[in-house]
Amino acid sequence: MATKVGYIGVDHHHRDPYFAIASELDLTITAVCEPGRRVDLANLTAMDERPDEITTENEQVAELVADASVYEDPHQLIKEGDVDVVWITYRNDETPSIVETAVENSVHVISEKPIGRTAEDLESVARRADAADVTVSPTTFYRKNPIAMDLRKRIRNGFFGDVWTVEGRFNASQLSYRNTNHYIYDQETSRGGALQWIGPHWVDMMPWVLDDPIARVNARFHDAADVNVEAGAILQFETREGILGTYHTGYYLNERGKDTHLGVYGTEAQARTPVHHDSLQHEPTVPLELTSDHNNWSGTSRRTINYEFTYNRFPAWGDYVQDYFEAYFDGYETGNVPATIDDAVQLLQVLDAAYESRESGSWVEVAE
């Protein structure tokens, strides 16, 4: 039987890509909600800031939600909508209360990261979700990226020896390409800009690849000119096991697309890779360059594995994003999902430390 889904937050530019994903899953969107406003399902207009990425035509959207009930109150949808899962793309400041209502009504959740403004917003909800066996997941979909999965496996198997340091970069198009009137670019609503919105992807991915949580952070920010959130940030960090790292993220590019890099440097091996290309860059493969001193690599110490990245099922960002949602909907009933609400809390704890470091100008310990 298809999973019954309530979709909350249709006034969000990830809605169209996510509706494209939903159309390929064994689910039915039986209810929709834009809090405080009644949605005209037959006339949904494209919300994506990058219209060249939109993969769901209005006719397809209308068909996907043709029989859905419409709500203005997300809490009422959860209580009365007869849904198994709520899929949320809504404001950071109000999402935790919606998740709390879902937990109270035994409704599972898949929510746009990071699910809140601060860790404190989510901690009590996380405890209740764990106690109630309700699955709540953030959209940290790099955990299904094949290169990230490869590196995590190699680190766990000791391929790199002792990892000394890791460096990451995830930069995206400038704010001039974006609808900065949207609530995600408002400090009171979202808490931050680049680090809070695009930054969480790799703030989650890097310690996950290392299998070692971030323990301390020192952060500096670039303020945006026309909105009250940051345009970019640079983080220094140290993991619990003493691995040193840097991360650079921001709205910096004078073009659409992404500029990405991940480097892992250990005593026995090193890795360099962009981790992914998006569809705008039209690259058929993504390279993972490995250098190793292992004996069985003595003939060729440097090797490149070219991962075939496909965009057949999800043209906007790549099929690994589709894989993430497939894994969630395959496993939400048992809790066997790529990321949990506890992972979301841990992510927010790192962001909390980064924003505190901005104010103090010094290193800040990440809460456990």
Protein backbone atom coordinates (compact mmCIF):
# COMPACT_ATOMS: atom_id res chain seq x y z
CA MET A 1 0.00 0.00 0.00
CA ALA A 2 1.32 3.43 -0.91
CA THR A 3 2.48 5.67 1.92
CA LYS A 4 0.07 8.52 2.60
CA VAL A 5 1.97 11.80 2.76
CA GLY A 6 1.01 15.27 3.91
CA TYR A 7 3.17 17.98 2.35
CA ILE A 8 3.68 21.09 4.51
CA GLY A 9 5.22 24.25 3.08
CA VAL A 10 4.47 24.55 -0.64
CA ASP A 11 5.80 28.13 -0.78
CA HIS A 12 9.38 26.86 -0.91
CA HIS A 13 11.78 26.60 -3.84
CA HIS A 14 12.63 22.97 -3.04
CA ARG A 15 9.01 22.00 -3.50
CA ASP A 16 9.26 21.40 -7.24
CA PRO A 17 12.36 19.18 -7.07
CA TYR A 18 10.82 17.28 -4.15
CA PHE A 19 7.55 16.83 -6.02
CA ALA A 20 9.63 15.39 -8.87
CA ILE A 21 11.12 12.92 -6.37
CA ALA A 22 7.70 12.11 -4.92
CA SER A 23 6.34 11.28 -8.36
CA GLU A 24 8.86 8.40 -8.57
CA LEU A 25 8.10 6.93 -5.13
CA ASP A 26 5.39 4.59 -3.88
CA LEU A 27 3.49 7.30 -2.08
CA THR A 28 0.39 9.44 -2.43
CA ILE A 29 0.25 13.08 -1.40
CA THR A 30 -3.14 13.11 0.26
CA ALA A 31 -2.91 16.52 1.97
CA VAL A 32 -1.04 19.77 1.44
CA CYS A 33 -0.60 22.88 3.55
CA GLU A 34 0.90 26.33 3.30
CA PRO A 35 0.44 27.64 6.85
CA GLY A 36 -1.85 30.64 7.00
CA ARG A 37 -2.86 30.49 3.36
CA ARG A 38 -5.25 28.34 1.34
CA VAL A 39 -3.45 26.81 -1.63
CA ASP A 40 -5.01 26.61 -5.09
CA LEU A 41 -3.73 23.20 -6.16
CA ALA A 42 -4.70 23.66 -9.79
CA ASN A 43 -2.57 26.79 -10.14
CA LEU A 44 0.66 26.10 -8.30
CA THR A 45 3.41 28.21 -9.83
CA ALA A 46 7.09 27.29 -9.95
CA MET A 47 8.91 28.18 -6.74
CA ASP A 48 12.46 27.18 -7.67
CA GLU A 49 14.96 30.05 -7.75
CA ARG A 50 16.72 28.31 -10.60
CA PRO A 51 14.06 27.73 -13.25
CA ASP A 52 16.47 25.88 -15.52
CA GLU A 53 16.53 23.11 -12.89
CA ILE A 54 12.80 22.63 -12.55
CA THR A 55 11.83 19.11 -13.57
CA THR A 56 8.18 19.03 -12.57
CA GLU A 57 5.83 20.77 -14.98
CA ASN A 58 2.76 22.45 -13.54
CA GLU A 59 0.55 19.80 -15.12
CA GLN A 60 2.52 17.07 -13.35
CA VAL A 61 2.28 18.93 -10.04
CA ALA A 62 -1.45 19.33 -10.44
CA GLU A 63 -1.80 15.62 -11.19
CA LEU A 64 0.34 14.64 -8.19
CA VAL A 65 -1.84 16.58 -5.75
CA ALA A 66 -5.14 16.52 -7.65
CA ASP A 67 -7.01 14.61 -4.95
CA ALA A 68 -5.21 16.10 -1.94
CA SER A 69 -7.05 17.81 0.88
CA VAL A 70 -5.97 21.41 1.51
CA TYR A 71 -5.18 22.75 4.98
CA GLU A 72 -4.08 26.14 6.27
CA ASP A 73 -3.02 24.80 9.68
CA PRO A 74 -0.19 22.20 9.64
CA HIS A 75 -1.13 20.90 13.07
CA GLN A 76 -4.68 20.28 11.90
CA LEU A 77 -3.35 18.43 8.84
CA ILE A 78 -1.35 16.12 11.09
CA LYS A 79 -4.22 15.48 13.48
CA GLU A 80 -7.00 15.08 10.91
CA GLY A 81 -5.33 14.32 7.59
CA ASP A 82 -4.90 10.54 8.01
CA VAL A 83 -1.27 10.56 6.85
CA ASP A 84 1.64 8.23 7.58
CA VAL A 85 4.39 10.80 6.92
CA VAL A 86 4.62 14.58 6.76
CA TRP A 87 7.14 16.02 4.30
CA ILE A 88 8.12 19.50 5.47
CA THR A 89 9.73 22.40 3.63
CA TYR A 90 8.95 25.25 5.97
CA ARG A 91 10.41 27.91 8.25
CA ASN A 92 13.22 26.99 10.66
CA ASP A 93 11.54 28.85 13.52
CA GLU A 94 8.20 27.04 13.25
CA THR A 95 9.17 23.58 11.98
CA PRO A 96 10.09 22.12 15.42
CA SER A 97 6.56 22.69 16.75
CA ILE A 98 5.12 20.98 13.66
CA VAL A 99 7.47 18.04 14.19
CA GLU A 100 6.41 17.91 17.84
CA THR A 101 2.75 17.62 16.81
CA ALA A 102 3.69 14.85 14.38
CA VAL A 103 5.49 12.94 17.14
CA GLU A 104 2.51 13.34 19.48
CA ASN A 105 0.27 11.84 16.77
CA SER A 106 2.66 9.02 15.72
CA VAL A 107 3.23 10.56 12.28
CA HIS A 108 6.72 10.16 10.82
CA VAL A 109 8.63 13.11 9.36
CA ILE A 110 11.02 13.95 6.55
CA SER A 111 11.98 17.62 6.83
CA GLU A 112 14.16 20.13 5.06
CA LYS A 113 17.40 20.51 7.00
CA PRO A 114 18.29 21.67 9.59
CA ILE A 115 14.73 21.37 11.09
CA GLY A 116 15.21 24.32 13.45
CA ARG A 117 17.09 27.52 14.19
CA THR A 118 19.07 26.08 17.12
CA ALA A 119 19.70 22.73 18.78
CA GLU A 120 17.65 23.84 21.78
CA ASP A 121 14.63 24.16 19.48
CA LEU A 122 14.85 20.46 18.64
CA GLU A 123 16.37 18.64 21.62
CA SER A 124 13.17 17.98 23.58
CA VAL A 125 11.36 16.99 20.37
CA ALA A 126 14.17 14.55 19.59
CA ARG A 127 13.84 12.89 23.00
CA ARG A 128 10.09 12.48 22.49
CA ALA A 129 10.54 11.13 18.96
CA ASP A 130 13.07 8.56 20.14
CA ALA A 131 10.82 7.51 23.02
CA ALA A 132 7.79 7.20 20.72
CA ASP A 133 9.65 5.35 17.92
CA VAL A 134 8.67 8.07 15.46
CA THR A 135 11.18 8.52 12.65
CA VAL A 136 12.22 12.10 11.96
CA SER A 137 14.86 12.72 9.27
CA PRO A 138 16.60 15.83 7.91
CA THR A 139 17.35 16.13 4.19
CA THR A 140 21.10 15.55 4.58
CA PHE A 141 21.23 13.57 1.38
CA TYR A 142 25.02 13.54 0.87
CA ARG A 143 24.93 10.46 3.11
CA LYS A 144 23.79 8.60 -0.02
CA ASN A 145 26.37 10.22 -2.28
CA PRO A 146 28.48 7.34 -3.64
CA ILE A 147 31.84 9.11 -3.19
CA ALA A 148 31.01 10.11 0.39
CA MET A 149 29.97 6.51 1.08
CA ASP A 150 33.23 5.23 -0.48
CA LEU A 151 35.37 7.55 1.65
CA ARG A 152 33.50 6.66 4.85
CA LYS A 153 34.08 2.96 4.15
CA ARG A 154 37.78 3.50 3.43
CA ILE A 155 38.26 5.49 6.64
CA ARG A 156 36.49 2.81 8.68
CA ASN A 157 38.70 0.14 7.04
CA GLY A 158 41.90 2.02 7.88
CA PHE A 159 42.85 2.86 4.29
CA PHE A 160 44.01 6.37 5.27
CA GLY A 161 45.81 5.30 8.43
CA ASP A 162 45.50 8.08 11.00
CA VAL A 163 43.56 10.95 9.42
CA TRP A 164 45.34 14.25 10.10
CA THR A 165 43.07 16.77 8.44
CA VAL A 166 40.08 17.32 6.16
CA GLU A 167 39.15 20.33 4.05
CA GLY A 168 35.79 21.09 2.47
CA ARG A 169 34.35 23.70 0.15
CA PHE A 170 30.74 24.14 -0.92
CA ASN A 171 30.06 27.44 -2.68
CA ALA A 172 26.96 28.36 -4.64
CA SER A 173 25.54 31.22 -6.70
CA GLN A 174 25.42 34.75 -5.31
CA LEU A 175 22.37 36.21 -3.62
CA SER A 176 21.64 38.22 -6.77
CA TYR A 177 20.44 34.93 -8.30
CA ARG A 178 18.08 34.29 -5.39
CA ASN A 179 14.74 35.55 -4.15
CA THR A 180 16.03 37.23 -1.02
CA ASN A 181 12.50 38.30 -0.07
CA HIS A 182 11.85 34.68 0.89
CA TYR A 183 11.84 33.83 4.59
CA ILE A 184 14.91 31.58 4.37
CA TYR A 185 17.00 34.77 4.02
CA ASP A 186 15.56 36.38 7.17
CA GLN A 187 17.58 36.23 10.37
CA GLU A 188 14.61 36.07 12.75
CA THR A 189 13.13 33.17 10.82
CA SER A 190 16.18 31.17 9.83
CA ARG A 191 18.98 32.33 12.22
CA GLY A 192 21.58 32.42 9.45
CA GLY A 193 22.24 32.48 5.71
CA ALA A 194 24.83 30.47 3.79
CA LEU A 195 26.00 28.41 6.77
CA GLN A 196 22.43 27.72 7.94
CA TRP A 197 21.04 26.96 4.49
CA ILE A 198 23.60 25.47 2.05
CA GLY A 199 26.31 24.93 4.67
CA PRO A 200 24.60 22.12 6.64
CA HIS A 201 25.03 19.65 3.78
CA TRP A 202 28.75 19.33 4.36
CA VAL A 203 28.77 20.25 8.05
CA ASP A 204 26.85 16.97 8.31
CA MET A 205 28.73 15.05 5.61
CA MET A 206 32.32 15.67 6.71
CA PRO A 207 32.07 14.27 10.28
CA TRP A 208 29.86 11.47 8.92
CA VAL A 209 32.56 10.51 6.41
CA LEU A 210 35.17 10.67 9.18
CA ASP A 211 32.88 8.74 11.57
CA ASP A 212 34.01 11.31 14.14
CA PRO A 213 31.81 14.18 15.46
CA ILE A 214 33.00 17.81 15.47
CA ALA A 215 34.00 18.89 18.97
CA ARG A 216 35.27 22.48 18.65
CA VAL A 217 34.67 25.30 16.14
CA ASN A 218 36.21 28.65 15.28
CA ALA A 219 34.16 30.56 12.68
CA ARG A 220 34.29 33.80 10.73
CA PHE A 221 31.52 35.21 8.54
CA HIS A 222 30.97 37.54 5.59
CA ASP A 223 27.87 39.66 6.02
CA ALA A 224 25.51 40.04 3.07
CA ALA A 225 24.92 43.53 1.72
CA ASP A 226 21.15 43.47 1.24
CA VAL A 227 19.83 40.92 3.76
CA ASN A 228 20.42 40.37 7.46
CA VAL A 229 22.05 36.94 7.15
CA GLU A 230 25.59 36.01 6.19
CA ALA A 231 26.73 35.62 2.59
CA GLY A 232 29.44 33.14 3.57
CA ALA A 233 31.44 31.57 6.36
CA ILE A 234 34.75 29.86 7.03
CA LEU A 235 35.01 27.27 9.81
CA GLN A 236 38.01 25.77 11.48
CA PHE A 237 37.11 22.71 13.49
CA GLU A 238 38.50 19.83 15.48
CA THR A 239 36.83 16.45 15.89
CA ARG A 240 36.59 14.47 19.10
CA GLU A 241 39.50 12.29 17.95
CA GLY A 242 41.64 15.32 17.15
CA ILE A 243 41.26 15.57 13.36
CA LEU A 244 41.66 19.17 12.20
CA GLY A 245 39.38 20.55 9.49
CA THR A 246 38.40 23.61 7.51
CA TYR A 247 35.17 24.37 5.69
CA HIS A 248 34.40 27.22 3.30
CA THR A 249 30.82 27.89 2.22
CA GLY A 250 28.98 30.83 0.73
CA TYR A 251 26.94 32.55 -1.93
CA TYR A 252 30.01 33.53 -3.93
CA LEU A 253 29.66 32.46 -7.56
CA ASN A 254 28.95 34.78 -10.48
CA GLU A 255 27.31 31.83 -12.20
CA ARG A 256 24.79 29.15 -11.47
CA GLY A 257 25.96 25.80 -10.22
CA LYS A 258 28.31 24.84 -7.40
CA ASP A 259 32.02 24.94 -6.62
CA THR A 260 32.90 21.99 -4.40
CA HIS A 261 35.94 20.18 -3.03
CA LEU A 262 36.71 17.62 -0.33
CA GLY A 263 40.22 16.62 0.72
CA VAL A 264 41.12 13.91 3.22
CA TYR A 265 44.76 13.66 4.34
CA GLY A 266 46.05 10.74 6.39
CA THR A 267 49.34 9.06 7.28
CA GLU A 268 48.85 6.29 4.69
CA ALA A 269 46.70 7.87 1.98
CA GLN A 270 45.09 11.05 0.70
CA ALA A 271 41.92 11.77 -1.27
CA ARG A 272 40.79 14.73 -3.36
CA THR A 273 37.39 15.02 -5.02
CA PRO A 274 34.62 17.51 -5.85
CA VAL A 275 32.19 14.89 -4.38
CA HIS A 276 29.58 15.74 -6.99
CA HIS A 277 28.69 17.81 -10.02
CA ASP A 278 25.23 19.18 -10.44
CA SER A 279 23.32 18.92 -13.69
CA LEU A 280 24.19 22.48 -14.70
CA GLN A 281 27.84 21.47 -15.01
CA HIS A 282 26.99 18.59 -17.36
CA GLU A 283 29.83 16.33 -16.23
CA PRO A 284 29.32 12.62 -16.96
CA THR A 285 31.71 11.49 -14.20
CA VAL A 286 32.97 12.71 -10.82
CA PRO A 287 36.63 11.91 -10.04
CA LEU A 288 37.91 10.55 -6.73
CA GLU A 289 41.71 10.90 -6.77
CA LEU A 290 43.49 8.64 -4.29
CA THR A 291 47.19 8.55 -3.39
CA SER A 292 48.43 5.73 -1.15
CA ASP A 293 51.65 4.20 0.22
CA HIS A 294 50.06 0.78 0.68
CA ASN A 295 52.25 -2.06 -0.59
CA ASN A 296 49.65 -3.27 -3.06
CA TRP A 297 49.59 0.22 -4.56
CA SER A 298 53.36 0.38 -5.07
CA GLY A 299 53.12 0.11 -8.85
CA THR A 300 50.62 2.96 -9.14
CA SER A 301 50.54 5.07 -6.00
CA ARG A 302 48.09 7.59 -7.48
CA ARG A 303 44.80 6.38 -8.92
CA THR A 304 41.60 8.05 -10.04
CA ILE A 305 38.21 6.41 -9.73
CA ASN A 306 35.69 8.06 -12.03
CA TYR A 307 32.21 7.69 -10.61
CA GLU A 308 29.43 7.68 -13.17
CA PHE A 309 26.89 10.19 -11.91
CA THR A 310 23.43 9.76 -13.35
CA TYR A 311 20.54 12.21 -13.54
CA ASN A 312 17.93 9.85 -14.97
CA ARG A 313 15.60 9.73 -11.97
CA PHE A 314 16.37 13.17 -10.55
CA PRO A 315 17.82 15.57 -13.13
CA ALA A 316 18.04 18.56 -10.77
CA TRP A 317 20.77 17.31 -8.40
CA GLY A 318 21.60 13.72 -9.26
CA ASP A 319 20.17 10.30 -8.60
CA TYR A 320 21.85 9.93 -5.21
CA VAL A 321 19.30 12.46 -3.88
CA GLN A 322 16.53 10.18 -5.14
CA ASP A 323 18.36 7.30 -3.41
CA TYR A 324 18.22 9.19 -0.10
CA PHE A 325 14.46 9.64 -0.22
CA GLU A 326 13.93 6.07 -1.40
CA ALA A 327 15.95 4.88 1.60
CA TYR A 328 13.85 7.03 3.93
CA PHE A 329 10.51 5.76 2.63
CA ASP A 330 11.79 2.17 2.62
CA GLY A 331 12.91 2.44 6.24
CA TYR A 332 10.88 5.02 8.14
CA GLU A 333 8.60 2.41 9.75
CA THR A 334 11.58 0.65 11.38
CA GLY A 335 13.82 3.68 11.84
CA ASN A 336 16.38 2.30 9.36
CA VAL A 337 17.02 5.63 7.60
CA PRO A 338 20.20 7.43 6.48
CA ALA A 339 19.87 10.25 9.05
CA THR A 340 17.82 10.72 12.21
CA ILE A 341 16.56 13.58 14.35
CA ASP A 342 19.54 12.99 16.65
CA ASP A 343 21.80 13.66 13.66
CA ALA A 344 19.85 16.88 13.06
CA VAL A 345 20.39 17.93 16.69
CA GLN A 346 24.12 17.21 16.39
CA LEU A 347 24.26 19.27 13.19
CA LEU A 348 22.53 22.19 14.90
CA GLN A 349 24.91 21.95 17.85
CA VAL A 350 27.82 22.55 15.46
CA LEU A 351 25.99 25.49 13.89
CA ASP A 352 25.24 26.86 17.37
CA ALA A 353 28.94 26.77 18.17
CA ALA A 354 29.82 28.47 14.88
CA TYR A 355 27.40 31.36 15.43
CA GLU A 356 28.58 31.70 19.05
CA SER A 357 32.16 31.83 17.78
CA ARG A 358 31.13 34.64 15.47
CA GLU A 359 30.10 36.68 18.50
CA SER A 360 33.01 35.75 20.77
CA GLY A 361 35.77 35.69 18.15
CA SER A 362 37.19 32.53 19.71
CA TRP A 363 37.00 28.74 19.68
CA VAL A 364 33.72 27.31 21.04
CA GLU A 365 33.08 23.79 22.29
CA VAL A 366 30.26 21.89 20.60
CA ALA A 367 27.65 20.61 23.04
CA GLU A 368 27.27 16.84 23.37
